């Protein structure tokens, strides 16, 4: 896939992520759980690669924060999840590994990176592992949706996954 198509698809995912952030979020404590972000992370990890996946995650997080529909915790969770999902998918070429990468990257690593933000920047009382259940719940829901949709596309052979992304058949 050429750069123009990748940029266009990334922009479309950013638009979808930003627009749905007003509708599909779950406020829990001082975080806002957003499963659509994890869905988009899995799609972009498999279809676009690491640079575009992380760019998509960062852009949605930034726009959600500017609009007031996100929190600072969106940055570490979404970006680490997108990067690990892409890395594991590229190493194994298995869709379920993108799912696992998103859940571990966001649910564990991203949650642990959210602790310093809560404690140091926001002055909130939090425990190191306090964010993990919230982040895992959100990432499993969204990543599972992305995995299912990609699996259906591949099974129906409407797209063919290649080393550089996907091709429409």
Protein backbone atom coordinates (compact mmCIF):
# COMPACT_ATOMS: atom_id res chain seq x y z
CA UNK A 1 0.00 0.00 0.00
CA UNK A 2 1.42 3.39 -0.89
CA UNK A 3 1.92 6.27 1.57
CA UNK A 4 -1.09 8.23 0.34
CA UNK A 5 -3.46 5.35 1.03
CA UNK A 6 -1.91 4.71 4.43
CA UNK A 7 -2.20 8.37 5.39
CA UNK A 8 -5.78 8.49 4.16
CA UNK A 9 -6.76 5.38 6.09
CA UNK A 10 -4.98 6.71 9.19
CA UNK A 11 -6.89 10.00 8.90
CA UNK A 12 -10.17 8.11 8.56
CA UNK A 13 -9.39 6.09 11.70
CA UNK A 14 -8.49 9.27 13.58
CA UNK A 15 -11.79 10.82 12.51
CA UNK A 16 -13.76 7.74 13.60
CA UNK A 17 -11.93 7.58 16.92
CA UNK A 18 -12.43 11.28 17.60
CA UNK A 19 -16.10 11.37 16.63
CA UNK A 20 -17.06 8.24 18.56
CA UNK A 21 -15.29 9.44 21.71
CA UNK A 22 -18.40 11.52 22.53
CA UNK A 23 -20.66 8.47 22.40
CA UNK A 24 -18.77 5.29 23.33
CA UNK A 25 -16.87 5.91 26.56
CA UNK A 26 -17.28 4.65 30.10
CA UNK A 27 -16.30 7.05 32.90
CA UNK A 28 -14.65 5.13 35.74
CA UNK A 29 -13.02 7.22 38.46
CA UNK A 30 -10.84 9.87 36.87
CA UNK A 31 -10.35 7.83 33.67
CA UNK A 32 -12.53 7.47 30.60
CA UNK A 33 -12.51 3.93 29.20
CA UNK A 34 -12.73 4.02 25.38
CA UNK A 35 -12.93 0.57 23.68
CA UNK A 36 -13.14 2.06 20.16
CA UNK A 37 -9.51 3.16 20.49
CA UNK A 38 -8.39 -0.42 21.00
CA UNK A 39 -10.48 -1.56 18.05
CA UNK A 40 -8.74 1.04 15.88
CA UNK A 41 -5.33 0.09 17.29
CA UNK A 42 -5.75 -3.53 16.20
CA UNK A 43 -6.97 -2.50 12.74
CA UNK A 44 -4.14 -0.03 12.21
CA UNK A 45 -1.54 -2.43 13.63
CA UNK A 46 -2.44 -5.11 11.11
CA UNK A 47 -3.34 -2.96 8.14
CA UNK A 48 -0.89 -0.04 8.37
CA UNK A 49 2.18 -0.89 10.43
CA UNK A 50 3.89 0.62 13.47
CA UNK A 51 4.39 4.24 12.45
CA UNK A 52 0.83 4.78 11.31
CA UNK A 53 -0.64 2.79 14.22
CA UNK A 54 1.19 4.89 16.81
CA UNK A 55 0.42 8.09 14.87
CA UNK A 56 -3.28 7.15 14.82
CA UNK A 57 -3.28 6.40 18.57
CA UNK A 58 -1.47 9.64 19.41
CA UNK A 59 -3.73 11.74 17.17
CA UNK A 60 -6.96 10.35 18.60
CA UNK A 61 -5.66 10.80 22.16
CA UNK A 62 -4.59 14.37 21.44
CA UNK A 63 -7.88 15.34 19.78
CA UNK A 64 -9.92 13.69 22.56
CA UNK A 65 -7.98 15.69 25.14
CA UNK A 66 -8.41 18.93 23.23
CA UNK A 67 -12.17 18.29 22.95
CA UNK A 68 -12.46 17.36 26.63
CA UNK A 69 -13.63 13.79 25.97
CA UNK A 70 -10.39 12.12 26.98
CA UNK A 71 -7.85 12.09 29.77
CA UNK A 72 -4.06 12.15 29.88
CA UNK A 73 -4.16 8.40 30.49
CA UNK A 74 -5.15 7.90 26.84
CA UNK A 75 -1.62 8.62 25.65
CA UNK A 76 0.42 5.85 27.28
CA UNK A 77 -2.30 3.23 26.99
CA UNK A 78 -3.20 3.69 23.36
CA UNK A 79 0.29 4.31 22.00
CA UNK A 80 2.00 1.41 23.79
CA UNK A 81 -0.89 -0.89 22.86
CA UNK A 82 -0.71 0.07 19.19
CA UNK A 83 3.06 -0.39 19.09
CA UNK A 84 3.06 -3.79 20.82
CA UNK A 85 0.13 -5.02 18.70
CA UNK A 86 2.01 -4.09 15.55
CA UNK A 87 5.28 -5.59 16.76
CA UNK A 88 3.73 -8.94 17.71
CA UNK A 89 1.70 -9.11 14.51
CA UNK A 90 4.74 -8.39 12.32
CA UNK A 91 6.82 -11.00 14.13
CA UNK A 92 4.22 -13.80 13.92
CA UNK A 93 1.79 -12.83 11.12
CA UNK A 94 -1.03 -14.08 13.38
CA UNK A 95 -4.08 -11.88 13.95
CA UNK A 96 -4.56 -13.12 17.50
CA UNK A 97 -1.09 -11.81 18.34
CA UNK A 98 -2.22 -8.29 17.45
CA UNK A 99 -5.09 -8.80 19.89
CA UNK A 100 -2.72 -10.04 22.62
CA UNK A 101 -0.29 -7.19 21.93
CA UNK A 102 -3.05 -4.60 22.28
CA UNK A 103 -4.35 -6.11 25.53
CA UNK A 104 -0.90 -6.50 27.12
CA UNK A 105 0.42 -3.20 25.75
CA UNK A 106 -2.56 -1.17 26.91
CA UNK A 107 -3.88 -3.25 29.77
CA UNK A 108 -0.60 -3.87 31.57
CA UNK A 109 2.23 -1.68 30.24
CA UNK A 110 0.07 1.36 29.43
CA UNK A 111 -1.70 1.07 32.78
CA UNK A 112 1.63 0.99 34.60
CA UNK A 113 2.77 4.06 32.65
CA UNK A 114 -0.44 5.85 33.71
CA UNK A 115 0.56 5.65 37.38
CA UNK A 116 3.23 8.41 37.22
CA UNK A 117 0.78 10.62 35.34
CA UNK A 118 -1.81 10.19 38.08
CA UNK A 119 0.60 10.52 40.98
CA UNK A 120 3.01 13.19 39.76
CA UNK A 121 1.20 15.29 37.18
CA UNK A 122 -2.41 15.14 38.39
CA UNK A 123 -1.75 14.74 42.11
CA UNK A 124 -4.30 11.92 42.34
CA UNK A 125 -3.92 9.06 44.77
CA UNK A 126 -3.43 5.87 42.80
CA UNK A 127 -1.74 2.53 43.15
CA UNK A 128 0.77 1.20 40.64
CA UNK A 129 -1.48 -1.66 39.58
CA UNK A 130 -4.78 0.17 40.14
CA UNK A 131 -5.28 1.02 36.47
CA UNK A 132 -4.69 -2.50 35.15
CA UNK A 133 -8.26 -3.86 35.60
CA UNK A 134 -9.79 -0.77 33.96
CA UNK A 135 -7.37 -0.73 31.05
CA UNK A 136 -7.61 -4.50 30.49
CA UNK A 137 -11.43 -4.38 30.46
CA UNK A 138 -11.43 -1.66 27.83
CA UNK A 139 -8.68 -3.16 25.70
CA UNK A 140 -10.18 -6.66 25.65
CA UNK A 141 -13.56 -5.32 24.51
CA UNK A 142 -12.15 -3.17 21.70
CA UNK A 143 -9.32 -5.45 20.59
CA UNK A 144 -11.67 -8.44 20.41
CA UNK A 145 -13.95 -6.49 18.08
CA UNK A 146 -10.98 -5.60 15.86
CA UNK A 147 -9.75 -9.21 15.85
CA UNK A 148 -13.20 -10.53 14.89
CA UNK A 149 -13.66 -8.05 12.05
CA UNK A 150 -10.17 -8.71 10.63
CA UNK A 151 -10.72 -12.47 10.93
CA UNK A 152 -13.98 -12.23 8.98
CA UNK A 153 -12.33 -10.14 6.26
CA UNK A 154 -9.45 -12.57 5.91
CA UNK A 155 -11.74 -15.62 6.00
CA UNK A 156 -14.05 -14.14 3.37
CA UNK A 157 -10.90 -13.21 1.45
CA UNK A 158 -12.10 -9.68 0.88
CA UNK A 159 -8.63 -8.49 1.88
CA UNK A 160 -5.25 -10.14 1.60
CA UNK A 161 -2.70 -9.25 4.27
CA UNK A 162 0.78 -8.63 2.92
CA UNK A 163 4.10 -7.67 4.47
CA UNK A 164 3.43 -3.96 3.99
CA UNK A 165 -0.26 -3.88 4.84
CA UNK A 166 -3.35 -5.15 3.05
CA UNK A 167 -4.56 -5.36 -0.52
CA UNK A 168 -8.17 -5.31 -1.63
CA UNK A 169 -9.01 -8.36 -3.72
